[in-house]
C-alpha atoms as a PDB file:
ATOM      1  CA  MET A   1       0.341   1.143 -22.078  1.00  0.00           C
ATOM      2  CA  THR A   2       3.730  -0.418 -21.645  1.00  0.00           C
ATOM      3  CA  THR A   3       5.480  -0.871 -18.304  1.00  0.00           C
ATOM      4  CA  ARG A   4       7.766   2.067 -19.254  1.00  0.00           C
ATOM      5  CA  GLU A   5       4.768   4.285 -20.016  1.00  0.00           C
ATOM      6  CA  VAL A   6       3.131   3.445 -16.694  1.00  0.00           C
ATOM      7  CA  ALA A   7       6.414   4.123 -14.934  1.00  0.00           C
ATOM      8  CA  ALA A   8       6.713   7.527 -16.573  1.00  0.00           C
ATOM      9  CA  LEU A   9       3.131   8.401 -15.594  1.00  0.00           C
ATOM     10  CA  ILE A  10       3.633   7.607 -11.900  1.00  0.00           C
ATOM     11  CA  ARG A  11       7.276   8.851 -11.892  1.00  0.00           C
ATOM     12  CA  LYS A  12       8.780   5.595 -10.946  1.00  0.00           C
ATOM     13  CA  THR A  13      11.258   3.246 -12.637  1.00  0.00           C
ATOM     14  CA  PRO A  14      10.077   0.347 -14.854  1.00  0.00           C
ATOM     15  CA  GLY A  15      11.612  -1.924 -12.230  1.00  0.00           C
ATOM     16  CA  ALA A  16       9.348  -0.429  -9.518  1.00  0.00           C
ATOM     17  CA  VAL A  17       6.315  -1.012 -11.764  1.00  0.00           C
ATOM     18  CA  ARG A  18       7.405  -4.620 -12.208  1.00  0.00           C
ATOM     19  CA  GLN A  19       7.662  -5.019  -8.400  1.00  0.00           C
ATOM     20  CA  ILE A  20       4.164  -3.505  -7.948  1.00  0.00           C
ATOM     21  CA  ARG A  21       2.841  -5.988 -10.534  1.00  0.00           C
ATOM     22  CA  HIS A  22       4.649  -8.896  -8.860  1.00  0.00           C
ATOM     23  CA  ARG A  23       3.159  -7.994  -5.455  1.00  0.00           C
ATOM     24  CA  GLY A  24      -0.310  -7.822  -7.022  1.00  0.00           C
ATOM     25  CA  THR A  25      -0.970  -4.228  -6.112  1.00  0.00           C
ATOM     26  CA  GLY A  26      -0.656  -2.757  -9.536  1.00  0.00           C
ATOM     27  CA  PRO A  27      -3.056  -2.120 -12.424  1.00  0.00           C
ATOM     28  CA  LYS A  28      -5.344  -5.013 -13.129  1.00  0.00           C
ATOM     29  CA  ARG A  29      -5.606  -6.765 -16.560  1.00  0.00           C
ATOM     30  CA  GLY A  30      -1.944  -6.467 -17.502  1.00  0.00           C
ATOM     31  CA  ARG A  31      -1.283  -8.841 -20.347  1.00  0.00           C
ATOM     32  CA  LYS A  32       2.013 -10.332 -21.550  1.00  0.00           C
ATOM     33  CA  VAL A  33       2.497  -9.813 -25.279  1.00  0.00           C
ATOM     34  CA  GLY A  34       5.773 -11.346 -26.222  1.00  0.00           C
ATOM     35  CA  ARG A  35       8.266 -10.081 -23.683  1.00  0.00           C
ATOM     36  CA  ALA A  36       6.254  -6.844 -22.888  1.00  0.00           C
ATOM     37  CA  THR A  37       3.447  -6.412 -20.361  1.00  0.00           C
ATOM     38  CA  LEU A  38       0.698  -4.154 -21.712  1.00  0.00           C
ATOM     39  CA  TYR A  39      -2.024  -2.381 -19.654  1.00  0.00           C
ATOM     40  CA  PRO A  40      -5.246  -0.942 -20.915  1.00  0.00           C
ATOM     41  CA  HIS A  41      -5.193   2.769 -20.319  1.00  0.00           C
ATOM     42  CA  ALA A  42      -8.518   2.643 -18.487  1.00  0.00           C
ATOM     43  CA  ALA A  43      -7.168  -0.008 -16.071  1.00  0.00           C
ATOM     44  CA  VAL A  44      -4.185   2.188 -15.170  1.00  0.00           C
ATOM     45  CA  MET A  45      -6.463   5.195 -14.565  1.00  0.00           C
ATOM     46  CA  GLU A  46      -8.816   3.066 -12.363  1.00  0.00           C
ATOM     47  CA  TRP A  47      -5.839   1.843 -10.411  1.00  0.00           C
ATOM     48  CA  LEU A  48      -4.592   5.399  -9.785  1.00  0.00           C
ATOM     49  CA  ASP A  49      -8.090   6.570  -8.815  1.00  0.00           C
ATOM     50  CA  ALA A  50      -8.305   3.649  -6.314  1.00  0.00           C
ATOM     51  CA  LEU A  51      -4.933   4.570  -4.824  1.00  0.00           C
ATOM     52  CA  GLU A  52      -6.112   8.156  -4.383  1.00  0.00           C
ATOM     53  CA  LEU A  53      -9.226   7.021  -2.497  1.00  0.00           C
ATOM     54  CA  VAL A  54      -7.229   5.106   0.111  1.00  0.00           C
ATOM     55  CA  ASP A  55      -4.428   7.686   0.525  1.00  0.00           C
ATOM     56  CA  PRO A  56      -5.190  10.065   3.401  1.00  0.00           C
ATOM     57  CA  LEU A  57      -2.765  12.700   2.110  1.00  0.00           C
ATOM     58  CA  ALA A  58      -4.484  12.700  -1.323  1.00  0.00           C
ATOM     59  CA  ARG A  59      -7.869  13.062   0.231  1.00  0.00           C
ATOM     60  CA  ARG A  60      -6.711  15.962   2.396  1.00  0.00           C
ATOM     61  CA  GLY A  61      -6.934  18.329  -0.605  1.00  0.00           C
ATOM     62  CA  ASP A  62     -10.552  17.342  -1.093  1.00  0.00           C
ATOM     63  CA  GLU A  63     -11.381  18.162   2.521  1.00  0.00           C
ATOM     64  CA  ARG A  64      -9.945  21.667   2.085  1.00  0.00           C
ATOM     65  CA  LEU A  65     -12.062  22.207  -0.972  1.00  0.00           C
ATOM     66  CA  ALA A  66     -15.265  21.087   0.806  1.00  0.00           C
ATOM     67  CA  SER A  67     -14.726  23.664   3.676  1.00  0.00           C
END
């Protein structure tokens, strides 16, 4: 996936995805190919799943379903 595709998936700008990558909190295994950074689709999905696990608001929906 390109930076632009990741940005569209998470509804952020490509610049925001670049900042996330620069801070080291983005998807792992991004590779520079020429001027583009490409991410394996599985790595992006793993990153989003990990974000959901640590986000208390995202987990709140799971707690409602368990009740």
